[in-house]
């Protein structure tokens, strides 16, 4: 096989792979931008190597969860902030 043809084929396959990765990343991120998700992580804080606190928004409510390798515990809940609502 001709070395030039080999290099061009390799570049073509690399370009196809790069394009596929770019499209996958673009469509994956656009789903979360449209607000279709019912459940979303608002914030999280690590307490140790395998323990953390997570604030999850679900149904207009923010729920604080304690997460360990063996369990998930609901600690507290409060009404979530509504985006786009302004003051008086």
C-alpha atoms as a PDB file:
ATOM      1  CA  UNK A   1       0.000   0.000   0.000  1.00  0.00           C
ATOM      2  CA  UNK A   2       1.207   3.485  -0.829  1.00  0.00           C
ATOM      3  CA  UNK A   3       2.399   5.439   2.315  1.00  0.00           C
ATOM      4  CA  UNK A   4       0.470   8.566   1.278  1.00  0.00           C
ATOM      5  CA  UNK A   5      -2.718   6.558   0.874  1.00  0.00           C
ATOM      6  CA  UNK A   6      -2.136   4.947   4.276  1.00  0.00           C
ATOM      7  CA  UNK A   7      -1.713   8.341   6.003  1.00  0.00           C
ATOM      8  CA  UNK A   8      -4.775   9.796   4.259  1.00  0.00           C
ATOM      9  CA  UNK A   9      -6.879   6.798   5.290  1.00  0.00           C
ATOM     10  CA  UNK A  10      -5.673   7.160   8.870  1.00  0.00           C
ATOM     11  CA  UNK A  11      -6.537  10.889   8.884  1.00  0.00           C
ATOM     12  CA  UNK A  12      -9.974  10.155   7.421  1.00  0.00           C
ATOM     13  CA  UNK A  13     -10.768   7.582  10.118  1.00  0.00           C
ATOM     14  CA  UNK A  14      -9.502   9.986  12.815  1.00  0.00           C
ATOM     15  CA  UNK A  15     -11.726  12.757  11.452  1.00  0.00           C
ATOM     16  CA  UNK A  16     -14.760  10.446  11.451  1.00  0.00           C
ATOM     17  CA  UNK A  17     -14.042   9.405  15.030  1.00  0.00           C
ATOM     18  CA  UNK A  18     -13.572  13.020  16.142  1.00  0.00           C
ATOM     19  CA  UNK A  19     -16.820  14.053  14.466  1.00  0.00           C
ATOM     20  CA  UNK A  20     -18.739  11.233  16.103  1.00  0.00           C
ATOM     21  CA  UNK A  21     -17.380  12.170  19.546  1.00  0.00           C
ATOM     22  CA  UNK A  22     -18.249  15.841  18.974  1.00  0.00           C
ATOM     23  CA  UNK A  23     -21.824  14.985  17.921  1.00  0.00           C
ATOM     24  CA  UNK A  24     -22.287  12.674  20.889  1.00  0.00           C
ATOM     25  CA  UNK A  25     -21.089  15.345  23.326  1.00  0.00           C
ATOM     26  CA  UNK A  26     -23.271  17.998  21.692  1.00  0.00           C
ATOM     27  CA  UNK A  27     -26.476  15.947  21.848  1.00  0.00           C
ATOM     28  CA  UNK A  28     -25.731  14.712  25.343  1.00  0.00           C
ATOM     29  CA  UNK A  29     -25.326  18.232  26.751  1.00  0.00           C
ATOM     30  CA  UNK A  30     -28.280  19.698  24.838  1.00  0.00           C
ATOM     31  CA  UNK A  31     -30.721  17.356  26.608  1.00  0.00           C
ATOM     32  CA  UNK A  32     -29.937  18.881  29.994  1.00  0.00           C
ATOM     33  CA  UNK A  33     -30.126  22.433  28.591  1.00  0.00           C
ATOM     34  CA  UNK A  34     -33.735  21.996  27.513  1.00  0.00           C
ATOM     35  CA  UNK A  35     -34.966  21.369  31.050  1.00  0.00           C
ATOM     36  CA  UNK A  36     -36.492  17.992  30.275  1.00  0.00           C
ATOM     37  CA  UNK A  37     -35.009  16.389  33.377  1.00  0.00           C
ATOM     38  CA  UNK A  38     -37.347  15.842  36.301  1.00  0.00           C
ATOM     39  CA  UNK A  39     -34.526  15.139  38.760  1.00  0.00           C
ATOM     40  CA  UNK A  40     -31.344  17.187  38.952  1.00  0.00           C
ATOM     41  CA  UNK A  41     -28.356  17.517  41.262  1.00  0.00           C
ATOM     42  CA  UNK A  42     -28.169  21.089  42.549  1.00  0.00           C
ATOM     43  CA  UNK A  43     -25.031  20.756  44.673  1.00  0.00           C
ATOM     44  CA  UNK A  44     -22.833  18.183  46.370  1.00  0.00           C
ATOM     45  CA  UNK A  45     -20.151  18.212  49.055  1.00  0.00           C
ATOM     46  CA  UNK A  46     -17.695  15.453  49.861  1.00  0.00           C
ATOM     47  CA  UNK A  47     -17.461  14.467  53.524  1.00  0.00           C
ATOM     48  CA  UNK A  48     -14.854  11.764  53.076  1.00  0.00           C
ATOM     49  CA  UNK A  49     -13.504   9.357  50.491  1.00  0.00           C
ATOM     50  CA  UNK A  50     -16.863   7.590  50.064  1.00  0.00           C
ATOM     51  CA  UNK A  51     -19.412   9.815  51.804  1.00  0.00           C
ATOM     52  CA  UNK A  52     -21.093  12.966  50.546  1.00  0.00           C
ATOM     53  CA  UNK A  53     -24.043  15.283  50.929  1.00  0.00           C
ATOM     54  CA  UNK A  54     -26.135  15.885  47.809  1.00  0.00           C
ATOM     55  CA  UNK A  55     -28.908  18.409  47.193  1.00  0.00           C
ATOM     56  CA  UNK A  56     -31.338  17.035  44.605  1.00  0.00           C
ATOM     57  CA  UNK A  57     -34.183  19.040  43.028  1.00  0.00           C
ATOM     58  CA  UNK A  58     -37.318  16.989  42.450  1.00  0.00           C
ATOM     59  CA  UNK A  59     -40.870  18.177  41.926  1.00  0.00           C
ATOM     60  CA  UNK A  60     -40.117  21.785  42.910  1.00  0.00           C
ATOM     61  CA  UNK A  61     -38.465  20.690  46.144  1.00  0.00           C
ATOM     62  CA  UNK A  62     -34.794  20.604  47.165  1.00  0.00           C
ATOM     63  CA  UNK A  63     -33.944  17.439  49.073  1.00  0.00           C
ATOM     64  CA  UNK A  64     -30.720  17.018  51.099  1.00  0.00           C
ATOM     65  CA  UNK A  65     -29.440  13.441  50.932  1.00  0.00           C
ATOM     66  CA  UNK A  66     -26.626  11.734  52.794  1.00  0.00           C
ATOM     67  CA  UNK A  67     -24.919   9.242  50.465  1.00  0.00           C
ATOM     68  CA  UNK A  68     -22.638   6.403  51.617  1.00  0.00           C
ATOM     69  CA  UNK A  69     -21.629   3.175  49.862  1.00  0.00           C
ATOM     70  CA  UNK A  70     -24.317   1.285  51.769  1.00  0.00           C
ATOM     71  CA  UNK A  71     -27.234   3.712  51.860  1.00  0.00           C
ATOM     72  CA  UNK A  72     -28.897   6.954  50.826  1.00  0.00           C
ATOM     73  CA  UNK A  73     -30.658   8.867  53.598  1.00  0.00           C
ATOM     74  CA  UNK A  74     -33.039  11.820  53.279  1.00  0.00           C
ATOM     75  CA  UNK A  75     -31.876  14.437  55.764  1.00  0.00           C
ATOM     76  CA  UNK A  76     -34.043  17.481  55.004  1.00  0.00           C
ATOM     77  CA  UNK A  77     -36.271  19.060  52.358  1.00  0.00           C
ATOM     78  CA  UNK A  78     -37.323  22.598  51.470  1.00  0.00           C
ATOM     79  CA  UNK A  79     -39.107  24.322  48.572  1.00  0.00           C
ATOM     80  CA  UNK A  80     -36.792  24.774  45.591  1.00  0.00           C
ATOM     81  CA  UNK A  81     -35.995  28.098  43.944  1.00  0.00           C
ATOM     82  CA  UNK A  82     -37.989  28.793  40.808  1.00  0.00           C
ATOM     83  CA  UNK A  83     -35.896  30.123  37.963  1.00  0.00           C
ATOM     84  CA  UNK A  84     -37.351  33.031  36.082  1.00  0.00           C
ATOM     85  CA  UNK A  85     -39.548  34.300  38.895  1.00  0.00           C
ATOM     86  CA  UNK A  86     -38.833  37.897  39.716  1.00  0.00           C
ATOM     87  CA  UNK A  87     -39.630  40.024  42.695  1.00  0.00           C
ATOM     88  CA  UNK A  88     -42.312  42.742  42.883  1.00  0.00           C
END
